[in-house]
Amino acid sequence: MFIHGWCMKSLHFKFTPKVLFFCLLGLWTLVKTCSALFSELIPDEAYYFLYAQHLDWGYFDHPPMVALFIKIGSFIHNELGVRLLAVISQPIVLVVLWKMIDIKKYSFKDVFLFFGIAASITMFQVYGFIMTPDVPLLLFSSLFLLCYKKFLEKESCKSVILLGIIISCLLYSKYQAILLLLWVLIS
């Protein structure tokens, strides 16, 4: 009886919307990891894998960030190694998007709605485990928008430097990133 009471007190925690968010995020990541591990590479991924064997500042038809992402995961010698940073960047994107919503007090319904909307977006489904130039573009676009939001709230030297680094990562991810930057400048 004493041990049972002690275990229940030591393991007691409150199930909050924040706990639900991280449980669903963990489940999301687990599903994407299994998808990355058990599905075959598509031809584009094999093409980018060849880029990763010979890193350079740029290639004829693609910026180098996708090759760098693959190179970082190359210590794993299977499909997951090629897709490792795609699997890792997806939960980061979801957390960044959640932070951009900026809800002071959120409910279980808000968390389920967020993950329901994220699950219905094809880009999150496909680029959660397939490595293409869109994966780093999505990651750095979300980071850029969050940092830009923080910059608008409070201008500082730190935020300007961070924005500069993220903008360069955006441009090394995919050339279409210039469209995002142009629309932000116009705004």
C-alpha atoms as a PDB file:
ATOM      1  CA  MET A   1       0.000   0.000   0.000  1.00  0.00           C
ATOM      2  CA  PHE A   2       2.840   2.389   0.877  1.00  0.00           C
ATOM      3  CA  ILE A   3       4.645   1.689  -2.417  1.00  0.00           C
ATOM      4  CA  HIS A   4       1.461   2.126  -4.441  1.00  0.00           C
ATOM      5  CA  GLY A   5       0.725   5.486  -2.771  1.00  0.00           C
ATOM      6  CA  TRP A   6       4.313   6.667  -3.219  1.00  0.00           C
ATOM      7  CA  CYS A   7       4.333   5.708  -6.923  1.00  0.00           C
ATOM      8  CA  MET A   8       1.060   7.470  -7.585  1.00  0.00           C
ATOM      9  CA  LYS A   9       2.303  10.652  -5.906  1.00  0.00           C
ATOM     10  CA  SER A  10       5.659  10.632  -7.715  1.00  0.00           C
ATOM     11  CA  LEU A  11       4.109   9.902 -11.130  1.00  0.00           C
ATOM     12  CA  HIS A  12       1.261  12.367 -10.725  1.00  0.00           C
ATOM     13  CA  PHE A  13       1.181  15.103 -13.311  1.00  0.00           C
ATOM     14  CA  LYS A  14      -1.544  17.264 -14.737  1.00  0.00           C
ATOM     15  CA  PHE A  15      -2.595  16.483 -18.313  1.00  0.00           C
ATOM     16  CA  THR A  16      -2.720  19.954 -19.849  1.00  0.00           C
ATOM     17  CA  PRO A  17      -3.127  21.163 -23.423  1.00  0.00           C
ATOM     18  CA  LYS A  18       0.638  21.721 -23.498  1.00  0.00           C
ATOM     19  CA  VAL A  19       1.235  18.049 -22.600  1.00  0.00           C
ATOM     20  CA  LEU A  20      -1.272  17.042 -25.291  1.00  0.00           C
ATOM     21  CA  PHE A  21       0.564  19.221 -27.819  1.00  0.00           C
ATOM     22  CA  PHE A  22       3.889  17.504 -27.157  1.00  0.00           C
ATOM     23  CA  CYS A  23       2.286  14.032 -27.095  1.00  0.00           C
ATOM     24  CA  LEU A  24       0.727  14.649 -30.511  1.00  0.00           C
ATOM     25  CA  LEU A  25       3.995  16.141 -31.763  1.00  0.00           C
ATOM     26  CA  GLY A  26       5.844  13.010 -30.603  1.00  0.00           C
ATOM     27  CA  LEU A  27       3.277  10.782 -32.311  1.00  0.00           C
ATOM     28  CA  TRP A  28       3.566  12.892 -35.482  1.00  0.00           C
ATOM     29  CA  THR A  29       7.362  12.535 -35.417  1.00  0.00           C
ATOM     30  CA  LEU A  30       7.159   8.782 -34.820  1.00  0.00           C
ATOM     31  CA  VAL A  31       4.845   8.318 -37.816  1.00  0.00           C
ATOM     32  CA  LYS A  32       7.127  10.431 -40.030  1.00  0.00           C
ATOM     33  CA  THR A  33      10.193   8.502 -38.846  1.00  0.00           C
ATOM     34  CA  CYS A  34       8.562   5.171 -39.712  1.00  0.00           C
ATOM     35  CA  SER A  35       7.489   6.538 -43.097  1.00  0.00           C
ATOM     36  CA  ALA A  36      11.034   7.731 -43.810  1.00  0.00           C
ATOM     37  CA  LEU A  37      12.550   4.442 -42.732  1.00  0.00           C
ATOM     38  CA  PHE A  38      10.239   2.036 -44.530  1.00  0.00           C
ATOM     39  CA  SER A  39       9.561   3.777 -47.861  1.00  0.00           C
ATOM     40  CA  GLU A  40      11.951   3.696 -50.794  1.00  0.00           C
ATOM     41  CA  LEU A  41      13.818   6.765 -51.993  1.00  0.00           C
ATOM     42  CA  ILE A  42      12.232   8.652 -54.853  1.00  0.00           C
ATOM     43  CA  PRO A  43      14.488   9.449 -57.842  1.00  0.00           C
ATOM     44  CA  ASP A  44      14.896  13.096 -56.793  1.00  0.00           C
ATOM     45  CA  GLU A  45      16.193  12.041 -53.379  1.00  0.00           C
ATOM     46  CA  ALA A  46      18.785   9.782 -54.996  1.00  0.00           C
ATOM     47  CA  TYR A  47      19.809  12.722 -57.186  1.00  0.00           C
ATOM     48  CA  TYR A  48      20.214  14.982 -54.141  1.00  0.00           C
ATOM     49  CA  PHE A  49      22.102  12.204 -52.367  1.00  0.00           C
ATOM     50  CA  LEU A  50      24.701  12.396 -55.149  1.00  0.00           C
ATOM     51  CA  TYR A  51      24.944  16.144 -54.518  1.00  0.00           C
ATOM     52  CA  ALA A  52      25.607  15.423 -50.864  1.00  0.00           C
ATOM     53  CA  GLN A  53      28.609  13.276 -51.777  1.00  0.00           C
ATOM     54  CA  HIS A  54      30.273  16.340 -53.340  1.00  0.00           C
ATOM     55  CA  LEU A  55      29.176  19.413 -51.371  1.00  0.00           C
ATOM     56  CA  ASP A  56      29.521  22.739 -53.129  1.00  0.00           C
ATOM     57  CA  TRP A  57      28.193  26.304 -52.719  1.00  0.00           C
ATOM     58  CA  GLY A  58      25.750  25.814 -55.573  1.00  0.00           C
ATOM     59  CA  TYR A  59      24.720  23.450 -58.305  1.00  0.00           C
ATOM     60  CA  PHE A  60      23.445  24.011 -61.812  1.00  0.00           C
ATOM     61  CA  ASP A  61      19.806  23.373 -61.013  1.00  0.00           C
ATOM     62  CA  HIS A  62      19.445  23.559 -57.205  1.00  0.00           C
ATOM     63  CA  PRO A  63      20.803  25.536 -54.253  1.00  0.00           C
ATOM     64  CA  PRO A  64      22.993  23.505 -51.876  1.00  0.00           C
ATOM     65  CA  MET A  65      20.907  23.338 -48.673  1.00  0.00           C
ATOM     66  CA  VAL A  66      19.183  20.054 -49.582  1.00  0.00           C
ATOM     67  CA  ALA A  67      22.604  18.460 -50.145  1.00  0.00           C
ATOM     68  CA  LEU A  68      23.819  19.786 -46.799  1.00  0.00           C
ATOM     69  CA  PHE A  69      20.720  18.411 -45.043  1.00  0.00           C
ATOM     70  CA  ILE A  70      21.363  14.977 -46.572  1.00  0.00           C
ATOM     71  CA  LYS A  71      25.082  15.133 -45.746  1.00  0.00           C
ATOM     72  CA  ILE A  72      24.297  15.812 -42.066  1.00  0.00           C
ATOM     73  CA  GLY A  73      22.207  12.637 -41.889  1.00  0.00           C
ATOM     74  CA  SER A  74      24.648  10.518 -43.894  1.00  0.00           C
ATOM     75  CA  PHE A  75      26.067   8.801 -40.798  1.00  0.00           C
ATOM     76  CA  ILE A  76      22.956   6.592 -41.025  1.00  0.00           C
ATOM     77  CA  HIS A  77      23.373   4.352 -44.054  1.00  0.00           C
ATOM     78  CA  ASN A  78      19.791   3.822 -45.184  1.00  0.00           C
ATOM     79  CA  GLU A  79      16.735   5.800 -46.309  1.00  0.00           C
ATOM     80  CA  LEU A  80      16.396   7.397 -42.873  1.00  0.00           C
ATOM     81  CA  GLY A  81      19.897   8.864 -43.226  1.00  0.00           C
ATOM     82  CA  VAL A  82      18.888  10.675 -46.402  1.00  0.00           C
ATOM     83  CA  ARG A  83      15.655  11.880 -44.804  1.00  0.00           C
ATOM     84  CA  LEU A  84      16.803  12.474 -41.225  1.00  0.00           C
ATOM     85  CA  LEU A  85      16.680  16.261 -41.314  1.00  0.00           C
ATOM     86  CA  ALA A  86      13.308  16.185 -43.073  1.00  0.00           C
ATOM     87  CA  VAL A  87      11.961  14.188 -40.131  1.00  0.00           C
ATOM     88  CA  ILE A  88      13.662  16.486 -37.599  1.00  0.00           C
ATOM     89  CA  SER A  89      12.669  19.745 -39.270  1.00  0.00           C
ATOM     90  CA  GLN A  90       8.961  18.887 -39.466  1.00  0.00           C
ATOM     91  CA  PRO A  91       8.307  19.075 -35.678  1.00  0.00           C
ATOM     92  CA  ILE A  92      10.395  22.251 -35.530  1.00  0.00           C
ATOM     93  CA  VAL A  93       8.150  23.811 -38.181  1.00  0.00           C
ATOM     94  CA  LEU A  94       5.053  22.774 -36.236  1.00  0.00           C
ATOM     95  CA  VAL A  95       6.396  24.270 -32.987  1.00  0.00           C
ATOM     96  CA  VAL A  96       7.350  27.495 -34.771  1.00  0.00           C
ATOM     97  CA  LEU A  97       3.896  27.765 -36.344  1.00  0.00           C
ATOM     98  CA  TRP A  98       2.329  27.129 -32.952  1.00  0.00           C
ATOM     99  CA  LYS A  99       4.432  29.926 -31.436  1.00  0.00           C
ATOM    100  CA  MET A 100       3.367  32.291 -34.219  1.00  0.00           C
ATOM    101  CA  ILE A 101      -0.291  31.762 -33.326  1.00  0.00           C
ATOM    102  CA  ASP A 102       0.452  33.482 -30.010  1.00  0.00           C
ATOM    103  CA  ILE A 103      -2.475  32.224 -27.939  1.00  0.00           C
ATOM    104  CA  LYS A 104      -2.075  33.166 -24.292  1.00  0.00           C
ATOM    105  CA  LYS A 105      -4.267  30.370 -22.951  1.00  0.00           C
ATOM    106  CA  TYR A 106      -5.178  27.539 -25.247  1.00  0.00           C
ATOM    107  CA  SER A 107      -7.472  24.568 -24.814  1.00  0.00           C
ATOM    108  CA  PHE A 108      -7.468  20.917 -25.835  1.00  0.00           C
ATOM    109  CA  LYS A 109      -9.741  21.881 -28.721  1.00  0.00           C
ATOM    110  CA  ASP A 110      -7.142  24.383 -29.997  1.00  0.00           C
ATOM    111  CA  VAL A 111      -4.429  21.712 -29.967  1.00  0.00           C
ATOM    112  CA  PHE A 112      -6.598  19.165 -31.804  1.00  0.00           C
ATOM    113  CA  LEU A 113      -7.638  21.823 -34.323  1.00  0.00           C
ATOM    114  CA  PHE A 114      -4.015  22.804 -34.954  1.00  0.00           C
ATOM    115  CA  PHE A 115      -2.912  19.217 -35.586  1.00  0.00           C
ATOM    116  CA  GLY A 116      -6.041  18.520 -37.642  1.00  0.00           C
ATOM    117  CA  ILE A 117      -5.275  21.448 -39.928  1.00  0.00           C
ATOM    118  CA  ALA A 118      -1.580  20.482 -40.121  1.00  0.00           C
ATOM    119  CA  ALA A 119      -2.515  16.891 -40.991  1.00  0.00           C
ATOM    120  CA  SER A 120      -4.793  18.102 -43.793  1.00  0.00           C
ATOM    121  CA  ILE A 121      -2.036  20.113 -45.501  1.00  0.00           C
ATOM    122  CA  THR A 122      -0.370  18.021 -48.200  1.00  0.00           C
ATOM    123  CA  MET A 123       2.914  19.872 -47.843  1.00  0.00           C
ATOM    124  CA  PHE A 124       3.202  18.753 -44.211  1.00  0.00           C
ATOM    125  CA  GLN A 125       2.361  15.180 -45.127  1.00  0.00           C
ATOM    126  CA  VAL A 126       4.838  14.792 -47.977  1.00  0.00           C
ATOM    127  CA  TYR A 127       7.685  16.989 -46.788  1.00  0.00           C
ATOM    128  CA  GLY A 128       7.572  15.473 -43.336  1.00  0.00           C
ATOM    129  CA  PHE A 129       9.647  12.543 -44.521  1.00  0.00           C
ATOM    130  CA  ILE A 130      10.676  13.052 -48.176  1.00  0.00           C
ATOM    131  CA  MET A 131      13.829  15.117 -48.686  1.00  0.00           C
ATOM    132  CA  THR A 132      13.492  17.769 -51.378  1.00  0.00           C
ATOM    133  CA  PRO A 133      14.565  21.443 -51.505  1.00  0.00           C
ATOM    134  CA  ASP A 134      11.113  22.292 -50.141  1.00  0.00           C
ATOM    135  CA  VAL A 135      12.010  20.820 -46.736  1.00  0.00           C
ATOM    136  CA  PRO A 136      14.675  23.420 -45.846  1.00  0.00           C
ATOM    137  CA  LEU A 137      12.575  26.093 -47.557  1.00  0.00           C
ATOM    138  CA  LEU A 138       9.623  25.277 -45.291  1.00  0.00           C
ATOM    139  CA  LEU A 139      11.830  25.184 -42.192  1.00  0.00           C
ATOM    140  CA  PHE A 140      13.602  28.473 -42.860  1.00  0.00           C
ATOM    141  CA  SER A 141      10.409  30.187 -44.072  1.00  0.00           C
ATOM    142  CA  SER A 142       8.691  29.430 -40.786  1.00  0.00           C
ATOM    143  CA  LEU A 143      11.761  30.543 -38.816  1.00  0.00           C
ATOM    144  CA  PHE A 144      11.973  33.707 -40.925  1.00  0.00           C
ATOM    145  CA  LEU A 145       8.332  34.608 -40.301  1.00  0.00           C
ATOM    146  CA  LEU A 146       8.679  34.026 -36.550  1.00  0.00           C
ATOM    147  CA  CYS A 147      11.869  36.108 -36.348  1.00  0.00           C
ATOM    148  CA  TYR A 148      10.317  38.820 -38.493  1.00  0.00           C
ATOM    149  CA  LYS A 149       7.324  38.920 -36.151  1.00  0.00           C
ATOM    150  CA  LYS A 150       9.680  39.266 -33.160  1.00  0.00           C
ATOM    151  CA  PHE A 151      11.628  41.972 -35.046  1.00  0.00           C
ATOM    152  CA  LEU A 152       8.447  43.968 -35.624  1.00  0.00           C
ATOM    153  CA  GLU A 153       7.594  43.699 -31.924  1.00  0.00           C
ATOM    154  CA  LYS A 154      11.051  44.834 -30.783  1.00  0.00           C
ATOM    155  CA  GLU A 155      13.851  45.908 -33.084  1.00  0.00           C
ATOM    156  CA  SER A 156      17.279  44.830 -31.910  1.00  0.00           C
ATOM    157  CA  CYS A 157      20.708  44.078 -33.319  1.00  0.00           C
ATOM    158  CA  LYS A 158      20.299  40.415 -32.348  1.00  0.00           C
ATOM    159  CA  SER A 159      17.077  40.060 -34.350  1.00  0.00           C
ATOM    160  CA  VAL A 160      18.647  41.737 -37.404  1.00  0.00           C
ATOM    161  CA  ILE A 161      21.607  39.347 -37.347  1.00  0.00           C
ATOM    162  CA  LEU A 162      19.299  36.366 -36.863  1.00  0.00           C
ATOM    163  CA  LEU A 163      17.116  37.518 -39.758  1.00  0.00           C
ATOM    164  CA  GLY A 164      20.218  37.871 -41.958  1.00  0.00           C
ATOM    165  CA  ILE A 165      21.350  34.324 -41.183  1.00  0.00           C
ATOM    166  CA  ILE A 166      17.880  32.909 -41.808  1.00  0.00           C
ATOM    167  CA  ILE A 167      17.520  34.861 -45.075  1.00  0.00           C
ATOM    168  CA  SER A 168      20.798  33.425 -46.344  1.00  0.00           C
ATOM    169  CA  CYS A 169      19.633  29.919 -45.374  1.00  0.00           C
ATOM    170  CA  LEU A 170      16.365  30.604 -47.206  1.00  0.00           C
ATOM    171  CA  LEU A 171      18.175  31.600 -50.369  1.00  0.00           C
ATOM    172  CA  TYR A 172      20.439  28.551 -50.157  1.00  0.00           C
ATOM    173  CA  SER A 173      17.326  26.362 -49.769  1.00  0.00           C
ATOM    174  CA  LYS A 174      15.374  27.200 -52.889  1.00  0.00           C
ATOM    175  CA  TYR A 175      15.415  30.092 -55.328  1.00  0.00           C
ATOM    176  CA  GLN A 176      11.691  30.722 -54.836  1.00  0.00           C
ATOM    177  CA  ALA A 177      12.527  32.082 -51.373  1.00  0.00           C
ATOM    178  CA  ILE A 178      13.063  35.430 -53.076  1.00  0.00           C
ATOM    179  CA  LEU A 179       9.267  35.625 -53.489  1.00  0.00           C
ATOM    180  CA  LEU A 180       8.718  35.416 -49.735  1.00  0.00           C
ATOM    181  CA  LEU A 181      11.332  38.100 -49.133  1.00  0.00           C
ATOM    182  CA  LEU A 182       9.858  40.379 -51.807  1.00  0.00           C
ATOM    183  CA  TRP A 183       6.344  40.076 -50.356  1.00  0.00           C
ATOM    184  CA  VAL A 184       7.647  40.862 -46.877  1.00  0.00           C
ATOM    185  CA  LEU A 185       9.537  43.912 -48.200  1.00  0.00           C
ATOM    186  CA  ILE A 186       6.428  45.111 -50.022  1.00  0.00           C
ATOM    187  CA  SER A 187       4.396  44.799 -46.833  1.00  0.00           C
END
